[in-house]
């Protein structure tokens, strides 16, 4: 598990660490206190990943294509 602050991670780094956290928690080989710390870290990583995905989805939603498949420009995201 990384000591890097979650807010400094990109999506891929956060997902990789989240997978490690989940794997450790599922193994049942972790002491209770460590499990609690892992769960807290996992919750923080999950939230960070969700925020990164939402931002990416909003960027993709703003891209419009012309009939010939070329990018025309950006449109405001709905919602």
Protein backbone atom coordinates (compact mmCIF):
# COMPACT_ATOMS: atom_id res chain seq x y z
CA UNK A 1 0.00 0.00 0.00
CA UNK A 2 1.26 3.43 -0.95
CA UNK A 3 1.83 6.34 1.40
CA UNK A 4 1.09 8.72 -1.47
CA UNK A 5 -1.88 10.99 -0.79
CA UNK A 6 -4.92 9.84 -2.76
CA UNK A 7 -5.49 13.34 -4.13
CA UNK A 8 -2.11 13.17 -5.88
CA UNK A 9 -2.91 9.89 -7.65
CA UNK A 10 -4.17 9.55 -11.17
CA UNK A 11 -7.05 7.18 -11.87
CA UNK A 12 -4.86 4.21 -12.76
CA UNK A 13 -2.73 4.51 -9.63
CA UNK A 14 -5.80 4.81 -7.40
CA UNK A 15 -7.51 1.82 -9.05
CA UNK A 16 -4.41 -0.34 -8.70
CA UNK A 17 -4.12 0.47 -5.02
CA UNK A 18 -7.85 -0.05 -4.49
CA UNK A 19 -7.54 -3.52 -6.02
CA UNK A 20 -4.67 -4.26 -3.63
CA UNK A 21 -6.71 -3.06 -0.66
CA UNK A 22 -9.70 -5.19 -1.65
CA UNK A 23 -7.48 -8.23 -2.14
CA UNK A 24 -5.94 -7.81 1.32
CA UNK A 25 -9.34 -7.37 2.94
CA UNK A 26 -10.73 -10.44 1.19
CA UNK A 27 -7.79 -12.58 2.29
CA UNK A 28 -8.88 -12.38 5.95
CA UNK A 29 -5.20 -12.46 6.88
CA UNK A 30 -5.22 -8.90 8.22
CA UNK A 31 -5.55 -7.90 11.86
CA UNK A 32 -8.68 -5.99 12.84
CA UNK A 33 -6.91 -2.64 13.32
CA UNK A 34 -5.19 -3.01 9.95
CA UNK A 35 -8.48 -4.00 8.34
CA UNK A 36 -10.07 -0.79 9.57
CA UNK A 37 -7.20 1.28 8.16
CA UNK A 38 -7.41 -0.59 4.86
CA UNK A 39 -11.16 -0.06 4.69
CA UNK A 40 -10.76 3.68 5.31
CA UNK A 41 -8.06 3.90 2.63
CA UNK A 42 -10.24 1.89 0.25
CA UNK A 43 -13.20 4.20 0.80
CA UNK A 44 -11.01 7.21 0.06
CA UNK A 45 -9.61 5.55 -3.09
CA UNK A 46 -13.11 4.58 -4.27
CA UNK A 47 -14.36 8.15 -3.89
CA UNK A 48 -11.32 9.50 -5.75
CA UNK A 49 -11.83 7.04 -8.63
CA UNK A 50 -15.52 7.93 -8.88
CA UNK A 51 -14.66 11.64 -9.06
CA UNK A 52 -12.04 11.01 -11.78
CA UNK A 53 -14.53 8.93 -13.80
CA UNK A 54 -17.26 11.56 -13.48
CA UNK A 55 -14.88 14.27 -14.69
CA UNK A 56 -13.85 12.12 -17.66
CA UNK A 57 -17.48 11.37 -18.54
CA UNK A 58 -18.30 15.08 -18.48
CA UNK A 59 -15.40 15.83 -20.84
CA UNK A 60 -16.49 13.10 -23.25
CA UNK A 61 -20.09 14.35 -23.14
CA UNK A 62 -18.91 17.77 -24.33
CA UNK A 63 -17.37 16.45 -27.54
CA UNK A 64 -19.57 16.57 -30.62
CA UNK A 65 -18.84 14.97 -33.98
CA UNK A 66 -19.81 16.22 -37.42
CA UNK A 67 -21.61 13.85 -39.81
CA UNK A 68 -18.25 12.90 -41.36
CA UNK A 69 -16.86 11.91 -37.94
CA UNK A 70 -14.68 14.94 -37.30
CA UNK A 71 -14.71 16.73 -33.98
CA UNK A 72 -16.80 19.88 -34.39
CA UNK A 73 -16.36 21.32 -31.00
CA UNK A 74 -17.57 21.17 -27.51
CA UNK A 75 -21.10 21.42 -26.25
CA UNK A 76 -22.12 22.09 -22.66
CA UNK A 77 -22.48 19.00 -20.52
CA UNK A 78 -26.06 18.21 -19.56
CA UNK A 79 -27.12 17.79 -15.99
